[in-house]
Amino acid sequence: MERKQYEKRVEAMSRQEQIDFLLEKRDEMCLACRYNTDCRGGGVRGGPNGPIYPPCADGTDCLDDEDLFDACVEIMIEEEEE
């Protein structure tokens, strides 16, 4: 299948369906997080004054819609290749 076909499948999904798909396939949201380059995987790290939490830990919506879309497309492509 060509990438365009996967993109059409993801475009047909609602944002919540894309989120659910990503969680079902990867069990993490880091692929679609706008902070993923600053984060190191979403885990809590130790700092000199206590724990350092990832930006998403405060419950704000840190998902980037374009990254969410791309992550879903890439997962579909990977699954097809397997």
PDB file of N, CA and C in Angstrom:
ATOM      1  N   MET A   1       0.836  -1.172   0.000  1.00  0.00           N
ATOM      2  CA  MET A   1       0.000   0.000   0.000  1.00  0.00           C
ATOM      3  C   MET A   1       0.887   1.244   0.000  1.00  0.00           C
ATOM      4  N   GLU A   2       0.452   2.273  -0.666  1.00  0.00           N
ATOM      5  CA  GLU A   2       1.216   3.523  -0.679  1.00  0.00           C
ATOM      6  C   GLU A   2       0.894   4.372   0.541  1.00  0.00           C
ATOM      7  N   ARG A   3       1.824   5.249   0.884  1.00  0.00           N
ATOM      8  CA  ARG A   3       1.651   6.108   2.059  1.00  0.00           C
ATOM      9  C   ARG A   3       0.349   6.906   1.992  1.00  0.00           C
ATOM     10  N   LYS A   4      -0.021   7.364   0.810  1.00  0.00           N
ATOM     11  CA  LYS A   4      -1.248   8.164   0.650  1.00  0.00           C
ATOM     12  C   LYS A   4      -2.475   7.390   1.132  1.00  0.00           C
ATOM     13  N   GLN A   5      -2.494   6.093   0.901  1.00  0.00           N
ATOM     14  CA  GLN A   5      -3.628   5.282   1.327  1.00  0.00           C
ATOM     15  C   GLN A   5      -3.705   5.208   2.852  1.00  0.00           C
ATOM     16  N   TYR A   6      -2.552   5.095   3.495  1.00  0.00           N
ATOM     17  CA  TYR A   6      -2.526   5.102   4.962  1.00  0.00           C
ATOM     18  C   TYR A   6      -2.953   6.465   5.492  1.00  0.00           C
ATOM     19  N   GLU A   7      -2.491   7.511   4.836  1.00  0.00           N
ATOM     20  CA  GLU A   7      -2.862   8.861   5.261  1.00  0.00           C
ATOM     21  C   GLU A   7      -4.371   9.056   5.181  1.00  0.00           C
ATOM     22  N   LYS A   8      -5.001   8.541   4.150  1.00  0.00           N
ATOM     23  CA  LYS A   8      -6.456   8.654   4.018  1.00  0.00           C
ATOM     24  C   LYS A   8      -7.161   7.896   5.141  1.00  0.00           C
ATOM     25  N   ARG A   9      -6.618   6.735   5.501  1.00  0.00           N
ATOM     26  CA  ARG A   9      -7.212   5.965   6.596  1.00  0.00           C
ATOM     27  C   ARG A   9      -7.125   6.739   7.906  1.00  0.00           C
ATOM     28  N   VAL A  10      -5.976   7.380   8.151  1.00  0.00           N
ATOM     29  CA  VAL A  10      -5.815   8.141   9.398  1.00  0.00           C
ATOM     30  C   VAL A  10      -6.664   9.408   9.360  1.00  0.00           C
ATOM     31  N   GLU A  11      -6.770  10.049   8.210  1.00  0.00           N
ATOM     32  CA  GLU A  11      -7.617  11.239   8.084  1.00  0.00           C
ATOM     33  C   GLU A  11      -9.071  10.933   8.419  1.00  0.00           C
ATOM     34  N   ALA A  12      -9.504   9.715   8.132  1.00  0.00           N
ATOM     35  CA  ALA A  12     -10.885   9.314   8.410  1.00  0.00           C
ATOM     36  C   ALA A  12     -11.135   9.089   9.899  1.00  0.00           C
ATOM     37  N   MET A  13     -10.075   8.989  10.672  1.00  0.00           N
ATOM     38  CA  MET A  13     -10.193   8.763  12.111  1.00  0.00           C
ATOM     39  C   MET A  13     -10.357  10.099  12.827  1.00  0.00           C
ATOM     40  N   SER A  14     -11.139  10.103  13.899  1.00  0.00           N
ATOM     41  CA  SER A  14     -11.223  11.294  14.741  1.00  0.00           C
ATOM     42  C   SER A  14      -9.928  11.418  15.540  1.00  0.00           C
ATOM     43  N   ARG A  15      -9.730  12.557  16.164  1.00  0.00           N
ATOM     44  CA  ARG A  15      -8.532  12.751  16.981  1.00  0.00           C
ATOM     45  C   ARG A  15      -8.480  11.720  18.102  1.00  0.00           C
ATOM     46  N   GLN A  16      -9.624  11.482  18.736  1.00  0.00           N
ATOM     47  CA  GLN A  16      -9.662  10.501  19.822  1.00  0.00           C
ATOM     48  C   GLN A  16      -9.357   9.098  19.305  1.00  0.00           C
ATOM     49  N   GLU A  17      -9.839   8.758  18.134  1.00  0.00           N
ATOM     50  CA  GLU A  17      -9.539   7.447  17.553  1.00  0.00           C
ATOM     51  C   GLU A  17      -8.043   7.309  17.262  1.00  0.00           C
ATOM     52  N   GLN A  18      -7.415   8.402  16.814  1.00  0.00           N
ATOM     53  CA  GLN A  18      -5.974   8.377  16.583  1.00  0.00           C
ATOM     54  C   GLN A  18      -5.227   8.159  17.898  1.00  0.00           C
ATOM     55  N   ILE A  19      -5.653   8.847  18.938  1.00  0.00           N
ATOM     56  CA  ILE A  19      -5.030   8.687  20.261  1.00  0.00           C
ATOM     57  C   ILE A  19      -5.194   7.247  20.744  1.00  0.00           C
ATOM     58  N   ASP A  20      -6.397   6.720  20.624  1.00  0.00           N
ATOM     59  CA  ASP A  20      -6.654   5.342  21.062  1.00  0.00           C
ATOM     60  C   ASP A  20      -5.810   4.350  20.259  1.00  0.00           C
ATOM     61  N   PHE A  21      -5.693   4.579  18.959  1.00  0.00           N
ATOM     62  CA  PHE A  21      -4.891   3.710  18.099  1.00  0.00           C
ATOM     63  C   PHE A  21      -3.432   3.727  18.546  1.00  0.00           C
ATOM     64  N   LEU A  22      -2.905   4.926  18.789  1.00  0.00           N
ATOM     65  CA  LEU A  22      -1.511   5.051  19.214  1.00  0.00           C
ATOM     66  C   LEU A  22      -1.285   4.354  20.559  1.00  0.00           C
ATOM     67  N   LEU A  23      -2.189   4.540  21.488  1.00  0.00           N
ATOM     68  CA  LEU A  23      -2.046   3.888  22.802  1.00  0.00           C
ATOM     69  C   LEU A  23      -2.162   2.373  22.695  1.00  0.00           C
ATOM     70  N   GLU A  24      -3.031   1.904  21.827  1.00  0.00           N
ATOM     71  CA  GLU A  24      -3.191   0.460  21.639  1.00  0.00           C
ATOM     72  C   GLU A  24      -1.931  -0.165  21.058  1.00  0.00           C
ATOM     73  N   LYS A  25      -1.300   0.538  20.131  1.00  0.00           N
ATOM     74  CA  LYS A  25      -0.155  -0.028  19.428  1.00  0.00           C
ATOM     75  C   LYS A  25       1.174   0.217  20.130  1.00  0.00           C
ATOM     76  N   ARG A  26       1.313   1.329  20.842  1.00  0.00           N
ATOM     77  CA  ARG A  26       2.605   1.678  21.437  1.00  0.00           C
ATOM     78  C   ARG A  26       2.566   1.860  22.947  1.00  0.00           C
ATOM     79  N   ASP A  27       1.400   1.991  23.528  1.00  0.00           N
ATOM     80  CA  ASP A  27       1.240   2.137  24.974  1.00  0.00           C
ATOM     81  C   ASP A  27       1.968   3.367  25.534  1.00  0.00           C
ATOM     82  N   GLU A  28       2.170   4.350  24.695  1.00  0.00           N
ATOM     83  CA  GLU A  28       2.754   5.621  25.140  1.00  0.00           C
ATOM     84  C   GLU A  28       2.396   6.700  24.129  1.00  0.00           C
ATOM     85  N   MET A  29       2.421   7.920  24.575  1.00  0.00           N
ATOM     86  CA  MET A  29       2.057   9.034  23.696  1.00  0.00           C
ATOM     87  C   MET A  29       3.265   9.844  23.247  1.00  0.00           C
ATOM     88  N   CYS A  30       4.452   9.450  23.629  1.00  0.00           N
ATOM     89  CA  CYS A  30       5.652  10.236  23.347  1.00  0.00           C
ATOM     90  C   CYS A  30       5.864  10.494  21.855  1.00  0.00           C
ATOM     91  N   LEU A  31       5.441   9.570  21.007  1.00  0.00           N
ATOM     92  CA  LEU A  31       5.608   9.765  19.562  1.00  0.00           C
ATOM     93  C   LEU A  31       4.862  10.990  19.056  1.00  0.00           C
ATOM     94  N   ALA A  32       3.783  11.363  19.729  1.00  0.00           N
ATOM     95  CA  ALA A  32       2.956  12.479  19.279  1.00  0.00           C
ATOM     96  C   ALA A  32       3.070  13.711  20.179  1.00  0.00           C
ATOM     97  N   CYS A  33       3.989  13.684  21.121  1.00  0.00           N
ATOM     98  CA  CYS A  33       4.130  14.784  22.077  1.00  0.00           C
ATOM     99  C   CYS A  33       4.967  15.926  21.502  1.00  0.00           C
ATOM    100  N   ARG A  34       4.479  17.128  21.695  1.00  0.00           N
ATOM    101  CA  ARG A  34       5.226  18.289  21.180  1.00  0.00           C
ATOM    102  C   ARG A  34       6.516  18.528  21.968  1.00  0.00           C
ATOM    103  N   TYR A  35       6.642  17.895  23.111  1.00  0.00           N
ATOM    104  CA  TYR A  35       7.844  18.042  23.933  1.00  0.00           C
ATOM    105  C   TYR A  35       8.813  16.884  23.772  1.00  0.00           C
ATOM    106  N   ASN A  36       8.586  15.977  22.839  1.00  0.00           N
ATOM    107  CA  ASN A  36       9.370  14.747  22.791  1.00  0.00           C
ATOM    108  C   ASN A  36      10.862  14.969  22.607  1.00  0.00           C
ATOM    109  N   THR A  37      11.283  16.065  22.020  1.00  0.00           N
ATOM    110  CA  THR A  37      12.719  16.302  21.878  1.00  0.00           C
ATOM    111  C   THR A  37      13.343  16.810  23.183  1.00  0.00           C
ATOM    112  N   ASP A  38      12.515  17.362  24.073  1.00  0.00           N
ATOM    113  CA  ASP A  38      13.008  17.878  25.349  1.00  0.00           C
ATOM    114  C   ASP A  38      12.832  16.904  26.502  1.00  0.00           C
ATOM    115  N   CYS A  39      12.237  15.765  26.235  1.00  0.00           N
ATOM    116  CA  CYS A  39      11.723  14.949  27.324  1.00  0.00           C
ATOM    117  C   CYS A  39      12.546  13.715  27.680  1.00  0.00           C
ATOM    118  N   ARG A  40      13.056  12.981  26.824  1.00  0.00           N
ATOM    119  CA  ARG A  40      13.748  11.714  27.115  1.00  0.00           C
ATOM    120  C   ARG A  40      12.806  10.594  27.536  1.00  0.00           C
ATOM    121  N   GLY A  41      11.670  10.496  26.899  1.00  0.00           N
ATOM    122  CA  GLY A  41      10.809   9.344  27.109  1.00  0.00           C
ATOM    123  C   GLY A  41       9.731   9.447  28.160  1.00  0.00           C
ATOM    124  N   GLY A  42       9.484  10.599  28.690  1.00  0.00           N
ATOM    125  CA  GLY A  42       8.364  10.781  29.604  1.00  0.00           C
ATOM    126  C   GLY A  42       8.562  10.322  31.024  1.00  0.00           C
ATOM    127  N   GLY A  43       9.699   9.794  31.366  1.00  0.00           N
ATOM    128  CA  GLY A  43       9.920   9.309  32.723  1.00  0.00           C
ATOM    129  C   GLY A  43      10.340  10.422  33.672  1.00  0.00           C
ATOM    130  N   VAL A  44      10.151  10.178  34.930  1.00  0.00           N
ATOM    131  CA  VAL A  44      10.577  11.122  35.961  1.00  0.00           C
ATOM    132  C   VAL A  44      12.064  10.924  36.185  1.00  0.00           C
ATOM    133  N   ARG A  45      12.805  12.020  36.202  1.00  0.00           N
ATOM    134  CA  ARG A  45      14.247  11.957  36.439  1.00  0.00           C
ATOM    135  C   ARG A  45      14.557  12.619  37.773  1.00  0.00           C
ATOM    136  N   GLY A  46      15.688  12.287  38.302  1.00  0.00           N
ATOM    137  CA  GLY A  46      16.106  12.888  39.563  1.00  0.00           C
ATOM    138  C   GLY A  46      16.884  14.171  39.312  1.00  0.00           C
ATOM    139  N   GLY A  47      16.639  15.150  40.123  1.00  0.00           N
ATOM    140  CA  GLY A  47      17.369  16.406  40.054  1.00  0.00           C
ATOM    141  C   GLY A  47      17.951  16.734  41.413  1.00  0.00           C
ATOM    142  N   PRO A  48      18.776  17.756  41.505  1.00  0.00           N
ATOM    143  CA  PRO A  48      19.396  18.082  42.792  1.00  0.00           C
ATOM    144  C   PRO A  48      18.384  18.548  43.838  1.00  0.00           C
ATOM    145  N   ASN A  49      17.231  19.053  43.381  1.00  0.00           N
ATOM    146  CA  ASN A  49      16.218  19.553  44.314  1.00  0.00           C
ATOM    147  C   ASN A  49      14.953  18.697  44.303  1.00  0.00           C
ATOM    148  N   GLY A  50      15.066  17.456  43.853  1.00  0.00           N
ATOM    149  CA  GLY A  50      13.906  16.572  43.815  1.00  0.00           C
ATOM    150  C   GLY A  50      13.628  16.090  42.402  1.00  0.00           C
ATOM    151  N   PRO A  51      12.495  15.453  42.221  1.00  0.00           N
ATOM    152  CA  PRO A  51      12.192  14.870  40.908  1.00  0.00           C
ATOM    153  C   PRO A  51      11.914  15.926  39.842  1.00  0.00           C
ATOM    154  N   ILE A  52      12.268  15.568  38.616  1.00  0.00           N
ATOM    155  CA  ILE A  52      11.967  16.417  37.468  1.00  0.00           C
ATOM    156  C   ILE A  52      10.942  15.649  36.642  1.00  0.00           C
ATOM    157  N   TYR A  53       9.743  16.192  36.560  1.00  0.00           N
ATOM    158  CA  TYR A  53       8.658  15.534  35.844  1.00  0.00           C
ATOM    159  C   TYR A  53       8.642  15.970  34.385  1.00  0.00           C
ATOM    160  N   PRO A  54       8.171  15.085  33.490  1.00  0.00           N
ATOM    161  CA  PRO A  54       8.062  15.475  32.083  1.00  0.00           C
ATOM    162  C   PRO A  54       6.975  16.532  31.917  1.00  0.00           C
ATOM    163  N   PRO A  55       7.028  17.323  30.848  1.00  0.00           N
ATOM    164  CA  PRO A  55       6.047  18.391  30.651  1.00  0.00           C
ATOM    165  C   PRO A  55       4.600  17.906  30.632  1.00  0.00           C
ATOM    166  N   CYS A  56       4.378  16.669  30.233  1.00  0.00           N
ATOM    167  CA  CYS A  56       3.010  16.160  30.141  1.00  0.00           C
ATOM    168  C   CYS A  56       2.439  15.745  31.493  1.00  0.00           C
ATOM    169  N   ALA A  57       3.236  15.723  32.540  1.00  0.00           N
ATOM    170  CA  ALA A  57       2.807  15.213  33.839  1.00  0.00           C
ATOM    171  C   ALA A  57       1.741  16.076  34.500  1.00  0.00           C
ATOM    172  N   ASP A  58       1.602  17.331  34.084  1.00  0.00           N
ATOM    173  CA  ASP A  58       0.605  18.181  34.720  1.00  0.00           C
ATOM    174  C   ASP A  58      -0.795  18.003  34.141  1.00  0.00           C
ATOM    175  N   GLY A  59      -0.951  17.091  33.195  1.00  0.00           N
ATOM    176  CA  GLY A  59      -2.262  16.793  32.643  1.00  0.00           C
ATOM    177  C   GLY A  59      -2.676  17.654  31.470  1.00  0.00           C
ATOM    178  N   THR A  60      -1.819  18.556  31.034  1.00  0.00           N
ATOM    179  CA  THR A  60      -2.169  19.370  29.877  1.00  0.00           C
ATOM    180  C   THR A  60      -2.070  18.536  28.609  1.00  0.00           C
ATOM    181  N   ASP A  61      -2.787  18.958  27.606  1.00  0.00           N
ATOM    182  CA  ASP A  61      -2.755  18.255  26.321  1.00  0.00           C
ATOM    183  C   ASP A  61      -1.491  18.672  25.591  1.00  0.00           C
ATOM    184  N   CYS A  62      -0.532  17.796  25.554  1.00  0.00           N
ATOM    185  CA  CYS A  62       0.747  18.120  24.928  1.00  0.00           C
ATOM    186  C   CYS A  62       0.887  17.460  23.561  1.00  0.00           C
ATOM    187  N   LEU A  63      -0.206  16.915  23.030  1.00  0.00           N
ATOM    188  CA  LEU A  63      -0.133  16.237  21.741  1.00  0.00           C
ATOM    189  C   LEU A  63      -0.124  17.235  20.594  1.00  0.00           C
ATOM    190  N   ASP A  64       0.746  16.975  19.656  1.00  0.00           N
ATOM    191  CA  ASP A  64       0.814  17.757  18.434  1.00  0.00           C
ATOM    192  C   ASP A  64       0.030  16.986  17.369  1.00  0.00           C
ATOM    193  N   ASP A  65      -0.966  17.616  16.768  1.00  0.00           N
ATOM    194  CA  ASP A  65      -1.839  16.917  15.827  1.00  0.00           C
ATOM    195  C   ASP A  65      -1.085  16.357  14.625  1.00  0.00           C
ATOM    196  N   GLU A  66      -0.116  17.089  14.122  1.00  0.00           N
ATOM    197  CA  GLU A  66       0.663  16.594  12.979  1.00  0.00           C
ATOM    198  C   GLU A  66       1.515  15.391  13.370  1.00  0.00           C
ATOM    199  N   ASP A  67       2.126  15.452  14.546  1.00  0.00           N
ATOM    200  CA  ASP A  67       2.921  14.314  15.020  1.00  0.00           C
ATOM    201  C   ASP A  67       2.045  13.105  15.308  1.00  0.00           C
ATOM    202  N   LEU A  68       0.842  13.343  15.831  1.00  0.00           N
ATOM    203  CA  LEU A  68      -0.103  12.258  16.075  1.00  0.00           C
ATOM    204  C   LEU A  68      -0.485  11.583  14.758  1.00  0.00           C
ATOM    205  N   PHE A  69      -0.790  12.393  13.762  1.00  0.00           N
ATOM    206  CA  PHE A  69      -1.134  11.883  12.432  1.00  0.00           C
ATOM    207  C   PHE A  69       0.011  11.052  11.863  1.00  0.00           C
ATOM    208  N   ASP A  70       1.217  11.627  11.884  1.00  0.00           N
ATOM    209  CA  ASP A  70       2.390  10.935  11.330  1.00  0.00           C
ATOM    210  C   ASP A  70       2.695   9.639  12.076  1.00  0.00           C
ATOM    211  N   ALA A  71       2.545   9.648  13.399  1.00  0.00           N
ATOM    212  CA  ALA A  71       2.813   8.445  14.185  1.00  0.00           C
ATOM    213  C   ALA A  71       1.845   7.327  13.803  1.00  0.00           C
ATOM    214  N   CYS A  72       0.579   7.662  13.629  1.00  0.00           N
ATOM    215  CA  CYS A  72      -0.416   6.656  13.240  1.00  0.00           C
ATOM    216  C   CYS A  72      -0.111   6.088  11.861  1.00  0.00           C
ATOM    217  N   VAL A  73       0.253   6.961  10.929  1.00  0.00           N
ATOM    218  CA  VAL A  73       0.595   6.504   9.577  1.00  0.00           C
ATOM    219  C   VAL A  73       1.809   5.580   9.630  1.00  0.00           C
ATOM    220  N   GLU A  74       2.841   5.974  10.361  1.00  0.00           N
ATOM    221  CA  GLU A  74       4.059   5.161  10.448  1.00  0.00           C
ATOM    222  C   GLU A  74       3.793   3.798  11.085  1.00  0.00           C
ATOM    223  N   ILE A  75       2.940   3.763  12.089  1.00  0.00           N
ATOM    224  CA  ILE A  75       2.598   2.498  12.734  1.00  0.00           C
ATOM    225  C   ILE A  75       1.879   1.587  11.741  1.00  0.00           C
ATOM    226  N   MET A  76       0.956   2.144  10.972  1.00  0.00           N
ATOM    227  CA  MET A  76       0.240   1.348   9.974  1.00  0.00           C
ATOM    228  C   MET A  76       1.201   0.787   8.925  1.00  0.00           C
ATOM    229  N   ILE A  77       2.134   1.612   8.502  1.00  0.00           N
ATOM    230  CA  ILE A  77       3.121   1.153   7.513  1.00  0.00           C
ATOM    231  C   ILE A  77       3.980   0.040   8.095  1.00  0.00           C
ATOM    232  N   GLU A  78       4.453   0.208   9.334  1.00  0.00           N
ATOM    233  CA  GLU A  78       5.269  -0.816   9.994  1.00  0.00           C
ATOM    234  C   GLU A  78       4.516  -2.128  10.118  1.00  0.00           C
ATOM    235  N   GLU A  79       3.241  -2.051  10.488  1.00  0.00           N
ATOM    236  CA  GLU A  79       2.445  -3.272  10.654  1.00  0.00           C
ATOM    237  C   GLU A  79       2.255  -3.986   9.326  1.00  0.00           C
ATOM    238  N   GLU A  80       2.107  -3.234   8.250  1.00  0.00           N
ATOM    239  CA  GLU A  80       1.929  -3.825   6.923  1.00  0.00           C
ATOM    240  C   GLU A  80       3.195  -4.557   6.483  1.00  0.00           C
ATOM    241  N   GLU A  81       4.345  -3.998   6.854  1.00  0.00           N
ATOM    242  CA  GLU A  81       5.622  -4.595   6.464  1.00  0.00           C
ATOM    243  C   GLU A  81       5.927  -5.873   7.234  1.00  0.00           C
ATOM    244  N   GLU A  82       5.329  -6.058   8.390  1.00  0.00           N
ATOM    245  CA  GLU A  82       5.611  -7.236   9.228  1.00  0.00           C
ATOM    246  C   GLU A  82       4.978  -8.482   8.677  1.00  0.00           C
TER     247      GLU A  82
END
